[in-house]
């Protein structure tokens, strides 16, 4: 069963999982819980990329 978000799936009624490039994270008790976790992962990845950009100092 797939969610509206294509990264969230229910695998054989064992729980909700988030599909990532390295495999699956989970199980989560509900689709809502998986969605909340996915939003947190995405925001932390965005913050990490922004921080890396701020740390970059080109050579003069």
C-alpha atoms as a PDB file:
ATOM      1  CA  UNK A   1       0.000   0.000   0.000  1.00  0.00           C
ATOM      2  CA  UNK A   2       1.375   3.407  -1.006  1.00  0.00           C
ATOM      3  CA  UNK A   3       0.753   6.752   0.619  1.00  0.00           C
ATOM      4  CA  UNK A   4       0.117  10.026  -1.204  1.00  0.00           C
ATOM      5  CA  UNK A   5       3.838  10.583  -0.646  1.00  0.00           C
ATOM      6  CA  UNK A   6       5.626   8.029  -2.822  1.00  0.00           C
ATOM      7  CA  UNK A   7       8.421   7.613  -0.262  1.00  0.00           C
ATOM      8  CA  UNK A   8       6.034   6.215   2.382  1.00  0.00           C
ATOM      9  CA  UNK A   9       4.853   2.611   2.018  1.00  0.00           C
ATOM     10  CA  UNK A  10       3.043   0.031   4.146  1.00  0.00           C
ATOM     11  CA  UNK A  11       4.854  -3.288   3.806  1.00  0.00           C
ATOM     12  CA  UNK A  12       2.603  -6.307   4.335  1.00  0.00           C
ATOM     13  CA  UNK A  13       0.759  -4.650   7.195  1.00  0.00           C
ATOM     14  CA  UNK A  14       3.898  -4.701   9.382  1.00  0.00           C
ATOM     15  CA  UNK A  15       3.950  -0.916   9.625  1.00  0.00           C
ATOM     16  CA  UNK A  16       4.717   2.169   7.623  1.00  0.00           C
ATOM     17  CA  UNK A  17       8.206   2.601   6.183  1.00  0.00           C
ATOM     18  CA  UNK A  18      10.052   5.444   4.490  1.00  0.00           C
ATOM     19  CA  UNK A  19      11.916   4.520   1.324  1.00  0.00           C
ATOM     20  CA  UNK A  20      15.387   6.070   1.193  1.00  0.00           C
ATOM     21  CA  UNK A  21      18.303   5.700  -1.225  1.00  0.00           C
ATOM     22  CA  UNK A  22      19.949   3.275   1.232  1.00  0.00           C
ATOM     23  CA  UNK A  23      16.879   1.167   2.058  1.00  0.00           C
ATOM     24  CA  UNK A  24      13.885   1.592   4.353  1.00  0.00           C
ATOM     25  CA  UNK A  25      13.485   3.401   7.695  1.00  0.00           C
ATOM     26  CA  UNK A  26      10.795   2.188  10.050  1.00  0.00           C
ATOM     27  CA  UNK A  27       8.479   0.707  10.999  1.00  0.00           C
ATOM     28  CA  UNK A  28       6.244   3.558  12.095  1.00  0.00           C
ATOM     29  CA  UNK A  29       2.876   2.998  13.729  1.00  0.00           C
ATOM     30  CA  UNK A  30       0.975   5.239  11.346  1.00  0.00           C
ATOM     31  CA  UNK A  31       1.303   6.975   8.013  1.00  0.00           C
ATOM     32  CA  UNK A  32       1.136  10.310   9.848  1.00  0.00           C
ATOM     33  CA  UNK A  33       4.083   9.361  12.063  1.00  0.00           C
ATOM     34  CA  UNK A  34       6.108   8.311   9.006  1.00  0.00           C
ATOM     35  CA  UNK A  35       5.221  11.565   7.260  1.00  0.00           C
ATOM     36  CA  UNK A  36       6.349  13.621  10.267  1.00  0.00           C
ATOM     37  CA  UNK A  37       9.651  11.740  10.416  1.00  0.00           C
ATOM     38  CA  UNK A  38      10.193  12.210   6.666  1.00  0.00           C
ATOM     39  CA  UNK A  39       9.603  15.968   7.002  1.00  0.00           C
ATOM     40  CA  UNK A  40      12.185  16.110   9.809  1.00  0.00           C
ATOM     41  CA  UNK A  41      14.724  14.186   7.726  1.00  0.00           C
ATOM     42  CA  UNK A  42      14.200  16.492   4.753  1.00  0.00           C
ATOM     43  CA  UNK A  43      14.541  19.636   6.875  1.00  0.00           C
ATOM     44  CA  UNK A  44      17.711  18.354   8.548  1.00  0.00           C
ATOM     45  CA  UNK A  45      19.198  17.519   5.148  1.00  0.00           C
ATOM     46  CA  UNK A  46      18.362  21.020   3.908  1.00  0.00           C
ATOM     47  CA  UNK A  47      19.932  22.560   7.008  1.00  0.00           C
ATOM     48  CA  UNK A  48      23.034  20.404   6.557  1.00  0.00           C
ATOM     49  CA  UNK A  49      23.398  21.548   2.923  1.00  0.00           C
ATOM     50  CA  UNK A  50      22.896  25.186   3.912  1.00  0.00           C
ATOM     51  CA  UNK A  51      25.475  24.900   6.692  1.00  0.00           C
ATOM     52  CA  UNK A  52      27.979  23.317   4.296  1.00  0.00           C
ATOM     53  CA  UNK A  53      27.449  26.242   1.923  1.00  0.00           C
ATOM     54  CA  UNK A  54      28.042  28.744   4.714  1.00  0.00           C
ATOM     55  CA  UNK A  55      31.282  26.996   5.674  1.00  0.00           C
ATOM     56  CA  UNK A  56      32.677  27.266   2.141  1.00  0.00           C
ATOM     57  CA  UNK A  57      35.267  30.038   1.818  1.00  0.00           C
ATOM     58  CA  UNK A  58      36.819  30.464  -1.617  1.00  0.00           C
ATOM     59  CA  UNK A  59      40.540  31.105  -1.826  1.00  0.00           C
ATOM     60  CA  UNK A  60      41.396  34.757  -2.507  1.00  0.00           C
END
